[in-house]
Amino acid sequence: MKDKVVYQLKDKAIWVVLAVLVVAFTIANPRFVNPNNLFSLLRQVSMFGIASIGMTFVILLGDIDLSIGSIITFVNIICAYFMVHMGMNMWLAILITLVVSTLIGTLNGFMVSTVGIPALIATFATQTAFQGLAYLVSGGLPVNGFTESFKIFGQGYIGIVPVPVIIMVICFALGSFILNKTYFGRYFYAVGGNVEAARLSGIRVGRIKYLVFSISGFFAGLAGIVMLSRTNSGMPNAGLGYEFDVITCVVLGGVSVAGGYGKISGVVAGTFIIGALQNGMVLMNINSFIQDIVMGVVLALAVGFDCIQKRRQTT
């Protein structure tokens, strides 16, 4: 009961932190709450938010996926290559690209579940390999020359709302539905909470890992497509470092690195906190190296708080 109360307070505290950040940056620079800046912030965090759904599921299992950034990069390159150099229909290129990104996630699941490689090492290997493939396919050069219709995913609006934000909201709603309304969601919590108990209760842990890593690959692919549409250029380093920003969003949002606990609502708050921090520091002209330090400290504090909480539960 005590642990439940602590987690509830933690979930609420995340939103308090977000509110404090908004007030602080508004005082420091009133342009922070300018509607144009707020829409820019939302568009900026949309890629983090989309990719964070899959990462949430992975971390709920007590695993990690370092390949997200490379999947985003690889998706940028192959989707652009399909449309520009092969003249492929936009929708077919997107469909094939999403299938490829999902298969990369499935490869991660195979290495983790069937081969038994720790997720940290397996996904780092995938990250390295597909980053290299992206450079190989592109020749290290940007891929440009898309049709105007492709820009809608990253630059379009429906009313006054940017399309990437709508895609992010749909993804968050889908993630919440999976966790709260499906038996798969219950399995994710069960496996993350106690893998042996889950196995003894009849849950096919191996299949769950396959599913989770495949989902992570799919959402990373979708984030890559949105990014490609927004930048209008397939870059061989497009997703460089994105995995750490996404991990920070998820962990800051209250998902336990040890697995078994977390909510999509917290990840939403964590995503907006990261977006507010990055946007606010840019408006304040803070040195980019200092920004990196701040982001690293935020991740360390979020993980440290979770570890302390877990230690208290076991004593």
C-alpha atoms as a PDB file:
ATOM      1  CA  MET A   1       0.000   0.000   0.000  1.00  0.00           C
ATOM      2  CA  LYS A   2       2.833   2.342   0.924  1.00  0.00           C
ATOM      3  CA  ASP A   3       4.622   1.649  -2.378  1.00  0.00           C
ATOM      4  CA  LYS A   4       1.420   2.347  -4.298  1.00  0.00           C
ATOM      5  CA  VAL A   5       1.038   5.725  -2.586  1.00  0.00           C
ATOM      6  CA  VAL A   6       4.690   6.584  -3.340  1.00  0.00           C
ATOM      7  CA  TYR A   7       4.236   5.753  -7.032  1.00  0.00           C
ATOM      8  CA  GLN A   8       1.034   7.814  -7.198  1.00  0.00           C
ATOM      9  CA  LEU A   9       2.850  10.798  -5.682  1.00  0.00           C
ATOM     10  CA  LYS A  10       5.692  10.250  -8.141  1.00  0.00           C
ATOM     11  CA  ASP A  11       3.264  10.265 -11.081  1.00  0.00           C
ATOM     12  CA  LYS A  12       1.730  13.545  -9.912  1.00  0.00           C
ATOM     13  CA  ALA A  13       5.136  15.092  -9.202  1.00  0.00           C
ATOM     14  CA  ILE A  14       6.112  14.669 -12.863  1.00  0.00           C
ATOM     15  CA  TRP A  15       3.328  17.023 -13.914  1.00  0.00           C
ATOM     16  CA  VAL A  16       4.284  19.481 -11.167  1.00  0.00           C
ATOM     17  CA  VAL A  17       7.852  19.517 -12.495  1.00  0.00           C
ATOM     18  CA  LEU A  18       6.523  20.223 -16.003  1.00  0.00           C
ATOM     19  CA  ALA A  19       4.397  23.116 -14.714  1.00  0.00           C
ATOM     20  CA  VAL A  20       7.358  24.585 -12.791  1.00  0.00           C
ATOM     21  CA  LEU A  21       9.547  24.380 -15.890  1.00  0.00           C
ATOM     22  CA  VAL A  22       6.947  26.168 -18.009  1.00  0.00           C
ATOM     23  CA  VAL A  23       6.618  28.968 -15.438  1.00  0.00           C
ATOM     24  CA  ALA A  24      10.395  29.298 -15.020  1.00  0.00           C
ATOM     25  CA  PHE A  25      11.122  29.492 -18.749  1.00  0.00           C
ATOM     26  CA  THR A  26       8.213  31.913 -19.252  1.00  0.00           C
ATOM     27  CA  ILE A  27       9.673  34.236 -16.628  1.00  0.00           C
ATOM     28  CA  ALA A  28      13.147  33.906 -18.162  1.00  0.00           C
ATOM     29  CA  ASN A  29      11.852  34.512 -21.679  1.00  0.00           C
ATOM     30  CA  PRO A  30       8.176  35.404 -22.329  1.00  0.00           C
ATOM     31  CA  ARG A  31       8.546  34.119 -25.895  1.00  0.00           C
ATOM     32  CA  PHE A  32       8.427  30.597 -24.458  1.00  0.00           C
ATOM     33  CA  VAL A  33       4.606  30.709 -24.263  1.00  0.00           C
ATOM     34  CA  ASN A  34       4.219  32.371 -27.639  1.00  0.00           C
ATOM     35  CA  PRO A  35       1.781  30.175 -29.627  1.00  0.00           C
ATOM     36  CA  ASN A  36       4.248  29.818 -32.491  1.00  0.00           C
ATOM     37  CA  ASN A  37       6.953  28.624 -30.105  1.00  0.00           C
ATOM     38  CA  LEU A  38       4.595  26.223 -28.344  1.00  0.00           C
ATOM     39  CA  PHE A  39       3.565  24.646 -31.648  1.00  0.00           C
ATOM     40  CA  SER A  40       7.234  24.431 -32.609  1.00  0.00           C
ATOM     41  CA  LEU A  41       7.951  22.715 -29.276  1.00  0.00           C
ATOM     42  CA  LEU A  42       5.134  20.218 -29.836  1.00  0.00           C
ATOM     43  CA  ARG A  43       6.349  19.473 -33.345  1.00  0.00           C
ATOM     44  CA  GLN A  44       9.881  19.057 -31.977  1.00  0.00           C
ATOM     45  CA  VAL A  45       8.876  16.520 -29.307  1.00  0.00           C
ATOM     46  CA  SER A  46       6.573  14.554 -31.604  1.00  0.00           C
ATOM     47  CA  MET A  47       9.422  12.279 -32.758  1.00  0.00           C
ATOM     48  CA  PHE A  48      10.445  11.632 -29.148  1.00  0.00           C
ATOM     49  CA  GLY A  49       6.841  10.934 -28.192  1.00  0.00           C
ATOM     50  CA  ILE A  50       6.208   8.480 -31.030  1.00  0.00           C
ATOM     51  CA  ALA A  51       9.432   6.534 -30.437  1.00  0.00           C
ATOM     52  CA  SER A  52       8.905   6.542 -26.657  1.00  0.00           C
ATOM     53  CA  ILE A  53       5.863   4.238 -26.937  1.00  0.00           C
ATOM     54  CA  GLY A  54       7.965   1.289 -28.056  1.00  0.00           C
ATOM     55  CA  MET A  55      10.746   2.154 -25.600  1.00  0.00           C
ATOM     56  CA  THR A  56       8.180   2.225 -22.786  1.00  0.00           C
ATOM     57  CA  PHE A  57       7.166  -1.360 -23.523  1.00  0.00           C
ATOM     58  CA  VAL A  58      10.812  -2.474 -23.677  1.00  0.00           C
ATOM     59  CA  ILE A  59      11.740  -0.831 -20.376  1.00  0.00           C
ATOM     60  CA  LEU A  60       8.585  -2.228 -18.750  1.00  0.00           C
ATOM     61  CA  LEU A  61      10.135  -5.654 -19.396  1.00  0.00           C
ATOM     62  CA  GLY A  62      13.331  -4.519 -17.673  1.00  0.00           C
ATOM     63  CA  ASP A  63      15.221  -4.381 -20.986  1.00  0.00           C
ATOM     64  CA  ILE A  64      16.635  -1.551 -23.094  1.00  0.00           C
ATOM     65  CA  ASP A  65      16.686  -0.724 -26.816  1.00  0.00           C
ATOM     66  CA  LEU A  66      19.712   1.248 -27.996  1.00  0.00           C
ATOM     67  CA  SER A  67      18.910   0.683 -31.669  1.00  0.00           C
ATOM     68  CA  ILE A  68      16.106   3.258 -31.905  1.00  0.00           C
ATOM     69  CA  GLY A  69      18.347   6.064 -33.150  1.00  0.00           C
ATOM     70  CA  SER A  70      19.856   3.875 -35.875  1.00  0.00           C
ATOM     71  CA  ILE A  71      16.421   2.595 -36.915  1.00  0.00           C
ATOM     72  CA  ILE A  72      15.284   6.211 -37.311  1.00  0.00           C
ATOM     73  CA  THR A  73      18.371   6.920 -39.413  1.00  0.00           C
ATOM     74  CA  PHE A  74      17.997   3.792 -41.544  1.00  0.00           C
ATOM     75  CA  VAL A  75      14.310   4.535 -42.115  1.00  0.00           C
ATOM     76  CA  ASN A  76      15.222   8.067 -43.221  1.00  0.00           C
ATOM     77  CA  ILE A  77      17.641   6.725 -45.790  1.00  0.00           C
ATOM     78  CA  ILE A  78      15.734   3.780 -47.252  1.00  0.00           C
ATOM     79  CA  CYS A  79      12.371   5.555 -47.427  1.00  0.00           C
ATOM     80  CA  ALA A  80      14.050   8.500 -49.167  1.00  0.00           C
ATOM     81  CA  TYR A  81      15.955   6.114 -51.454  1.00  0.00           C
ATOM     82  CA  PHE A  82      12.766   4.274 -52.414  1.00  0.00           C
ATOM     83  CA  MET A  83      10.963   7.489 -53.366  1.00  0.00           C
ATOM     84  CA  VAL A  84      13.819   9.427 -54.969  1.00  0.00           C
ATOM     85  CA  HIS A  85      16.049   6.844 -56.648  1.00  0.00           C
ATOM     86  CA  MET A  86      13.503   4.086 -57.313  1.00  0.00           C
ATOM     87  CA  GLY A  87      10.521   6.322 -58.067  1.00  0.00           C
ATOM     88  CA  MET A  88       8.341   4.317 -55.684  1.00  0.00           C
ATOM     89  CA  ASN A  89       4.851   5.463 -54.703  1.00  0.00           C
ATOM     90  CA  MET A  90       4.925   7.382 -51.418  1.00  0.00           C
ATOM     91  CA  TRP A  91       2.478   5.098 -49.594  1.00  0.00           C
ATOM     92  CA  LEU A  92       4.206   1.924 -50.763  1.00  0.00           C
ATOM     93  CA  ALA A  93       7.581   3.308 -49.663  1.00  0.00           C
ATOM     94  CA  ILE A  94       6.182   4.139 -46.223  1.00  0.00           C
ATOM     95  CA  LEU A  95       4.598   0.695 -45.873  1.00  0.00           C
ATOM     96  CA  ILE A  96       7.774  -1.163 -46.842  1.00  0.00           C
ATOM     97  CA  THR A  97       9.832   1.067 -44.565  1.00  0.00           C
ATOM     98  CA  LEU A  98       7.587   0.347 -41.570  1.00  0.00           C
ATOM     99  CA  VAL A  99       7.786  -3.384 -42.298  1.00  0.00           C
ATOM    100  CA  VAL A 100      11.591  -3.138 -42.407  1.00  0.00           C
ATOM    101  CA  SER A 101      11.776  -1.219 -39.107  1.00  0.00           C
ATOM    102  CA  THR A 102       9.459  -3.774 -37.479  1.00  0.00           C
ATOM    103  CA  LEU A 103      11.665  -6.604 -38.753  1.00  0.00           C
ATOM    104  CA  ILE A 104      14.722  -4.899 -37.257  1.00  0.00           C
ATOM    105  CA  GLY A 105      12.872  -4.900 -33.936  1.00  0.00           C
ATOM    106  CA  THR A 106      12.053  -8.578 -34.467  1.00  0.00           C
ATOM    107  CA  LEU A 107      15.771  -9.224 -35.043  1.00  0.00           C
ATOM    108  CA  ASN A 108      16.434  -7.598 -31.665  1.00  0.00           C
ATOM    109  CA  GLY A 109      13.795  -9.863 -30.130  1.00  0.00           C
ATOM    110  CA  PHE A 110      15.437 -12.918 -31.702  1.00  0.00           C
ATOM    111  CA  MET A 111      18.856 -12.045 -30.308  1.00  0.00           C
ATOM    112  CA  VAL A 112      17.491 -11.275 -26.840  1.00  0.00           C
ATOM    113  CA  SER A 113      14.900 -14.040 -26.515  1.00  0.00           C
ATOM    114  CA  THR A 114      16.167 -16.944 -28.620  1.00  0.00           C
ATOM    115  CA  VAL A 115      19.943 -16.449 -28.645  1.00  0.00           C
ATOM    116  CA  GLY A 116      20.035 -15.073 -25.110  1.00  0.00           C
ATOM    117  CA  ILE A 117      22.172 -11.999 -25.759  1.00  0.00           C
ATOM    118  CA  PRO A 118      21.578  -9.264 -23.144  1.00  0.00           C
ATOM    119  CA  ALA A 119      19.371  -6.522 -24.607  1.00  0.00           C
ATOM    120  CA  LEU A 120      22.045  -3.872 -24.007  1.00  0.00           C
ATOM    121  CA  ILE A 121      24.560  -5.735 -26.177  1.00  0.00           C
ATOM    122  CA  ALA A 122      22.079  -7.009 -28.785  1.00  0.00           C
ATOM    123  CA  THR A 123      20.583  -3.606 -29.501  1.00  0.00           C
ATOM    124  CA  PHE A 124      23.999  -1.921 -29.447  1.00  0.00           C
ATOM    125  CA  ALA A 125      25.106  -4.384 -32.137  1.00  0.00           C
ATOM    126  CA  THR A 126      21.993  -3.583 -34.174  1.00  0.00           C
ATOM    127  CA  GLN A 127      22.585   0.128 -33.661  1.00  0.00           C
ATOM    128  CA  THR A 128      26.122  -0.116 -34.998  1.00  0.00           C
ATOM    129  CA  ALA A 129      25.220  -2.358 -37.958  1.00  0.00           C
ATOM    130  CA  PHE A 130      22.291  -0.326 -39.246  1.00  0.00           C
ATOM    131  CA  GLN A 131      24.093   2.969 -38.777  1.00  0.00           C
ATOM    132  CA  GLY A 132      26.762   1.538 -41.055  1.00  0.00           C
ATOM    133  CA  LEU A 133      24.126   0.318 -43.526  1.00  0.00           C
ATOM    134  CA  ALA A 134      22.592   3.796 -43.639  1.00  0.00           C
ATOM    135  CA  TYR A 135      25.959   5.268 -44.646  1.00  0.00           C
ATOM    136  CA  LEU A 136      26.492   2.464 -47.147  1.00  0.00           C
ATOM    137  CA  VAL A 137      23.126   2.987 -48.888  1.00  0.00           C
ATOM    138  CA  SER A 138      23.396   6.782 -48.946  1.00  0.00           C
ATOM    139  CA  GLY A 139      27.108   6.970 -49.663  1.00  0.00           C
ATOM    140  CA  GLY A 140      27.317   9.320 -46.693  1.00  0.00           C
ATOM    141  CA  LEU A 141      25.298  11.963 -48.560  1.00  0.00           C
ATOM    142  CA  PRO A 142      21.784  13.380 -47.972  1.00  0.00           C
ATOM    143  CA  VAL A 143      18.941  12.062 -50.125  1.00  0.00           C
ATOM    144  CA  ASN A 144      16.653  14.864 -51.367  1.00  0.00           C
ATOM    145  CA  GLY A 145      13.876  15.401 -53.889  1.00  0.00           C
ATOM    146  CA  PHE A 146      10.540  14.279 -52.423  1.00  0.00           C
ATOM    147  CA  THR A 147       7.083  15.092 -53.686  1.00  0.00           C
ATOM    148  CA  GLU A 148       5.185  17.917 -51.993  1.00  0.00           C
ATOM    149  CA  SER A 149       2.537  15.503 -50.723  1.00  0.00           C
ATOM    150  CA  PHE A 150       5.095  13.702 -48.526  1.00  0.00           C
ATOM    151  CA  LYS A 151       5.706  16.884 -46.523  1.00  0.00           C
ATOM    152  CA  ILE A 152       2.288  16.639 -44.864  1.00  0.00           C
ATOM    153  CA  PHE A 153       3.475  14.095 -42.269  1.00  0.00           C
ATOM    154  CA  GLY A 154       6.110  16.412 -40.828  1.00  0.00           C
ATOM    155  CA  GLN A 155       5.105  19.891 -41.965  1.00  0.00           C
ATOM    156  CA  GLY A 156       1.340  19.782 -42.524  1.00  0.00           C
ATOM    157  CA  TYR A 157      -1.521  21.048 -40.370  1.00  0.00           C
ATOM    158  CA  ILE A 158      -5.061  19.953 -39.678  1.00  0.00           C
ATOM    159  CA  GLY A 159      -6.714  23.185 -38.635  1.00  0.00           C
ATOM    160  CA  ILE A 160      -4.105  24.854 -36.445  1.00  0.00           C
ATOM    161  CA  VAL A 161      -2.652  21.602 -35.115  1.00  0.00           C
ATOM    162  CA  PRO A 162       0.544  20.223 -36.715  1.00  0.00           C
ATOM    163  CA  VAL A 163       0.116  16.750 -38.225  1.00  0.00           C
ATOM    164  CA  PRO A 164       3.126  15.314 -36.309  1.00  0.00           C
ATOM    165  CA  VAL A 165       1.415  16.282 -33.047  1.00  0.00           C
ATOM    166  CA  ILE A 166      -1.771  14.492 -34.118  1.00  0.00           C
ATOM    167  CA  ILE A 167       0.256  11.384 -34.990  1.00  0.00           C
ATOM    168  CA  MET A 168       1.955  11.567 -31.576  1.00  0.00           C
ATOM    169  CA  VAL A 169      -1.373  11.867 -29.742  1.00  0.00           C
ATOM    170  CA  ILE A 170      -2.760   8.865 -31.649  1.00  0.00           C
ATOM    171  CA  CYS A 171       0.361   6.860 -30.751  1.00  0.00           C
ATOM    172  CA  PHE A 172       0.062   7.772 -27.071  1.00  0.00           C
ATOM    173  CA  ALA A 173      -3.621   6.762 -27.121  1.00  0.00           C
ATOM    174  CA  LEU A 174      -2.736   3.462 -28.806  1.00  0.00           C
ATOM    175  CA  GLY A 175       0.033   2.790 -26.276  1.00  0.00           C
ATOM    176  CA  SER A 176      -2.307   3.511 -23.382  1.00  0.00           C
ATOM    177  CA  PHE A 177      -4.947   1.213 -24.871  1.00  0.00           C
ATOM    178  CA  ILE A 178      -2.443  -1.631 -25.232  1.00  0.00           C
ATOM    179  CA  LEU A 179      -1.246  -1.319 -21.641  1.00  0.00           C
ATOM    180  CA  ASN A 180      -4.625  -0.797 -19.996  1.00  0.00           C
ATOM    181  CA  LYS A 181      -7.141  -2.666 -22.146  1.00  0.00           C
ATOM    182  CA  THR A 182      -5.347  -5.714 -23.595  1.00  0.00           C
ATOM    183  CA  TYR A 183      -3.991  -8.870 -22.041  1.00  0.00           C
ATOM    184  CA  PHE A 184      -0.666  -8.134 -23.744  1.00  0.00           C
ATOM    185  CA  GLY A 185      -0.357  -5.052 -21.571  1.00  0.00           C
ATOM    186  CA  ARG A 186      -0.895  -7.130 -18.451  1.00  0.00           C
ATOM    187  CA  TYR A 187       1.747  -9.561 -19.690  1.00  0.00           C
ATOM    188  CA  PHE A 188       4.254  -6.722 -20.114  1.00  0.00           C
ATOM    189  CA  TYR A 189       3.813  -5.726 -16.469  1.00  0.00           C
ATOM    190  CA  ALA A 190       3.929  -9.345 -15.314  1.00  0.00           C
ATOM    191  CA  VAL A 191       7.149 -10.181 -17.172  1.00  0.00           C
ATOM    192  CA  GLY A 192       8.805  -6.960 -16.038  1.00  0.00           C
ATOM    193  CA  GLY A 193       7.724  -7.472 -12.440  1.00  0.00           C
ATOM    194  CA  ASN A 194       8.943 -11.075 -12.108  1.00  0.00           C
ATOM    195  CA  VAL A 195       9.958 -13.006 -15.185  1.00  0.00           C
ATOM    196  CA  GLU A 196      10.076 -16.387 -13.441  1.00  0.00           C
ATOM    197  CA  ALA A 197       6.656 -15.958 -11.881  1.00  0.00           C
ATOM    198  CA  ALA A 198       5.311 -14.904 -15.281  1.00  0.00           C
ATOM    199  CA  ARG A 199       6.813 -17.999 -16.917  1.00  0.00           C
ATOM    200  CA  LEU A 200       5.376 -20.305 -14.248  1.00  0.00           C
ATOM    201  CA  SER A 201       1.942 -18.725 -14.695  1.00  0.00           C
ATOM    202  CA  GLY A 202       1.937 -19.786 -18.336  1.00  0.00           C
ATOM    203  CA  ILE A 203       3.051 -16.566 -20.032  1.00  0.00           C
ATOM    204  CA  ARG A 204       5.291 -17.237 -23.026  1.00  0.00           C
ATOM    205  CA  VAL A 205       8.024 -14.821 -22.067  1.00  0.00           C
ATOM    206  CA  GLY A 206      10.000 -15.374 -25.266  1.00  0.00           C
ATOM    207  CA  ARG A 207       7.075 -14.413 -27.465  1.00  0.00           C
ATOM    208  CA  ILE A 208       6.405 -11.332 -25.347  1.00  0.00           C
ATOM    209  CA  LYS A 209       9.992 -10.170 -25.884  1.00  0.00           C
ATOM    210  CA  TYR A 210       9.651 -10.731 -29.629  1.00  0.00           C
ATOM    211  CA  LEU A 211       6.429  -8.700 -29.623  1.00  0.00           C
ATOM    212  CA  VAL A 212       7.808  -5.841 -27.551  1.00  0.00           C
ATOM    213  CA  PHE A 213      10.978  -5.371 -29.578  1.00  0.00           C
ATOM    214  CA  SER A 214       8.990  -5.591 -32.816  1.00  0.00           C
ATOM    215  CA  ILE A 215       6.629  -2.883 -31.553  1.00  0.00           C
ATOM    216  CA  SER A 216       9.625  -0.763 -30.585  1.00  0.00           C
ATOM    217  CA  GLY A 217      10.996  -1.116 -34.117  1.00  0.00           C
ATOM    218  CA  PHE A 218       7.644  -0.123 -35.621  1.00  0.00           C
ATOM    219  CA  PHE A 219       7.282   3.057 -33.567  1.00  0.00           C
ATOM    220  CA  ALA A 220      10.930   4.006 -34.211  1.00  0.00           C
ATOM    221  CA  GLY A 221      10.222   3.577 -37.933  1.00  0.00           C
ATOM    222  CA  LEU A 222       7.148   5.781 -37.708  1.00  0.00           C
ATOM    223  CA  ALA A 223       9.168   8.451 -35.880  1.00  0.00           C
ATOM    224  CA  GLY A 224      11.764   8.222 -38.645  1.00  0.00           C
ATOM    225  CA  ILE A 225       9.171   8.809 -41.348  1.00  0.00           C
ATOM    226  CA  VAL A 226       7.816  11.877 -39.520  1.00  0.00           C
ATOM    227  CA  MET A 227      11.363  13.200 -39.148  1.00  0.00           C
ATOM    228  CA  LEU A 228      12.116  12.599 -42.831  1.00  0.00           C
ATOM    229  CA  SER A 229       8.990  14.498 -43.823  1.00  0.00           C
ATOM    230  CA  ARG A 230       9.814  17.347 -41.457  1.00  0.00           C
ATOM    231  CA  THR A 231      13.426  17.812 -42.585  1.00  0.00           C
ATOM    232  CA  ASN A 232      12.649  16.977 -46.237  1.00  0.00           C
ATOM    233  CA  SER A 233      16.028  15.267 -46.464  1.00  0.00           C
ATOM    234  CA  GLY A 234      17.242  11.748 -45.715  1.00  0.00           C
ATOM    235  CA  MET A 235      20.339  12.233 -43.574  1.00  0.00           C
ATOM    236  CA  PRO A 236      22.792   9.409 -42.709  1.00  0.00           C
ATOM    237  CA  ASN A 237      23.029  10.706 -39.140  1.00  0.00           C
ATOM    238  CA  ALA A 238      19.390  11.774 -38.661  1.00  0.00           C
ATOM    239  CA  GLY A 239      18.710   9.703 -35.547  1.00  0.00           C
ATOM    240  CA  LEU A 240      22.125  10.051 -33.934  1.00  0.00           C
ATOM    241  CA  GLY A 241      21.694  10.132 -30.141  1.00  0.00           C
ATOM    242  CA  TYR A 242      17.894   9.911 -30.300  1.00  0.00           C
ATOM    243  CA  GLU A 243      17.842   6.716 -28.247  1.00  0.00           C
ATOM    244  CA  PHE A 244      19.169   8.575 -25.204  1.00  0.00           C
ATOM    245  CA  ASP A 245      16.590  11.352 -25.487  1.00  0.00           C
ATOM    246  CA  VAL A 246      13.830   8.754 -25.807  1.00  0.00           C
ATOM    247  CA  ILE A 247      15.150   6.753 -22.838  1.00  0.00           C
ATOM    248  CA  THR A 248      15.234   9.975 -20.810  1.00  0.00           C
ATOM    249  CA  CYS A 249      11.609  10.756 -21.734  1.00  0.00           C
ATOM    250  CA  VAL A 250      10.504   7.286 -20.620  1.00  0.00           C
ATOM    251  CA  VAL A 251      12.503   7.068 -17.396  1.00  0.00           C
ATOM    252  CA  LEU A 252      11.726  10.664 -16.434  1.00  0.00           C
ATOM    253  CA  GLY A 253       8.079   9.760 -17.028  1.00  0.00           C
ATOM    254  CA  GLY A 254       8.220   7.274 -14.166  1.00  0.00           C
ATOM    255  CA  VAL A 255       8.734   3.973 -16.005  1.00  0.00           C
ATOM    256  CA  SER A 256      10.946   1.828 -13.780  1.00  0.00           C
ATOM    257  CA  VAL A 257      14.258   0.763 -15.316  1.00  0.00           C
ATOM    258  CA  ALA A 258      13.930  -2.468 -13.357  1.00  0.00           C
ATOM    259  CA  GLY A 259      10.653  -3.206 -15.157  1.00  0.00           C
ATOM    260  CA  GLY A 260       7.121  -3.847 -13.987  1.00  0.00           C
ATOM    261  CA  TYR A 261       5.879  -0.297 -13.437  1.00  0.00           C
ATOM    262  CA  GLY A 262       5.049   2.671 -15.633  1.00  0.00           C
ATOM    263  CA  LYS A 263       2.219   4.581 -17.291  1.00  0.00           C
ATOM    264  CA  ILE A 264       1.831   6.214 -20.673  1.00  0.00           C
ATOM    265  CA  SER A 265       0.510   9.357 -18.968  1.00  0.00           C
ATOM    266  CA  GLY A 266       3.848   9.696 -17.179  1.00  0.00           C
ATOM    267  CA  VAL A 267       5.729   9.235 -20.443  1.00  0.00           C
ATOM    268  CA  VAL A 268       3.644  12.051 -21.960  1.00  0.00           C
ATOM    269  CA  ALA A 269       4.785  14.334 -19.134  1.00  0.00           C
ATOM    270  CA  GLY A 270       8.378  13.134 -19.456  1.00  0.00           C
ATOM    271  CA  THR A 271       8.343  13.853 -23.188  1.00  0.00           C
ATOM    272  CA  PHE A 272       7.032  17.379 -22.664  1.00  0.00           C
ATOM    273  CA  ILE A 273       9.598  18.008 -19.904  1.00  0.00           C
ATOM    274  CA  ILE A 274      12.448  17.084 -22.254  1.00  0.00           C
ATOM    275  CA  GLY A 275      10.928  19.240 -24.986  1.00  0.00           C
ATOM    276  CA  ALA A 276      10.503  22.181 -22.602  1.00  0.00           C
ATOM    277  CA  LEU A 277      14.077  21.834 -21.358  1.00  0.00           C
ATOM    278  CA  GLN A 278      15.562  21.759 -24.842  1.00  0.00           C
ATOM    279  CA  ASN A 279      13.389  24.545 -26.191  1.00  0.00           C
ATOM    280  CA  GLY A 280      13.792  26.734 -23.106  1.00  0.00           C
ATOM    281  CA  MET A 281      17.573  26.409 -23.036  1.00  0.00           C
ATOM    282  CA  VAL A 282      17.767  27.343 -26.728  1.00  0.00           C
ATOM    283  CA  LEU A 283      15.639  30.458 -26.114  1.00  0.00           C
ATOM    284  CA  MET A 284      17.973  31.400 -23.260  1.00  0.00           C
ATOM    285  CA  ASN A 285      21.000  30.951 -25.554  1.00  0.00           C
ATOM    286  CA  ILE A 286      22.554  28.370 -23.271  1.00  0.00           C
ATOM    287  CA  ASN A 287      25.695  26.768 -24.683  1.00  0.00           C
ATOM    288  CA  SER A 288      24.972  23.432 -26.435  1.00  0.00           C
ATOM    289  CA  PHE A 289      27.616  21.663 -24.349  1.00  0.00           C
ATOM    290  CA  ILE A 290      25.897  22.830 -21.173  1.00  0.00           C
ATOM    291  CA  GLN A 291      22.612  21.567 -22.617  1.00  0.00           C
ATOM    292  CA  ASP A 292      24.196  18.122 -22.991  1.00  0.00           C
ATOM    293  CA  ILE A 293      25.348  18.269 -19.372  1.00  0.00           C
ATOM    294  CA  VAL A 294      21.849  19.195 -18.186  1.00  0.00           C
ATOM    295  CA  MET A 295      20.259  16.340 -20.147  1.00  0.00           C
ATOM    296  CA  GLY A 296      22.789  13.879 -18.743  1.00  0.00           C
ATOM    297  CA  VAL A 297      22.141  15.054 -15.189  1.00  0.00           C
ATOM    298  CA  VAL A 298      18.373  14.787 -15.699  1.00  0.00           C
ATOM    299  CA  LEU A 299      18.713  11.175 -16.892  1.00  0.00           C
ATOM    300  CA  ALA A 300      21.015  10.281 -13.999  1.00  0.00           C
ATOM    301  CA  LEU A 301      18.635  11.829 -11.448  1.00  0.00           C
ATOM    302  CA  ALA A 302      15.614  10.047 -12.920  1.00  0.00           C
ATOM    303  CA  VAL A 303      17.334   6.636 -12.901  1.00  0.00           C
ATOM    304  CA  GLY A 304      18.861   7.290  -9.474  1.00  0.00           C
ATOM    305  CA  PHE A 305      15.467   8.098  -7.955  1.00  0.00           C
ATOM    306  CA  ASP A 306      14.021   4.904  -9.394  1.00  0.00           C
ATOM    307  CA  CYS A 307      16.924   2.801  -8.067  1.00  0.00           C
ATOM    308  CA  ILE A 308      16.594   4.298  -4.589  1.00  0.00           C
ATOM    309  CA  GLN A 309      12.866   3.565  -4.616  1.00  0.00           C
ATOM    310  CA  LYS A 310      13.468  -0.060  -5.654  1.00  0.00           C
ATOM    311  CA  ARG A 311      16.100  -0.477  -2.928  1.00  0.00           C
ATOM    312  CA  ARG A 312      13.660   0.769  -0.298  1.00  0.00           C
ATOM    313  CA  GLN A 313      11.088  -1.751  -1.455  1.00  0.00           C
ATOM    314  CA  THR A 314      13.480  -4.648  -0.911  1.00  0.00           C
ATOM    315  CA  THR A 315      14.596  -3.578   2.575  1.00  0.00           C
END
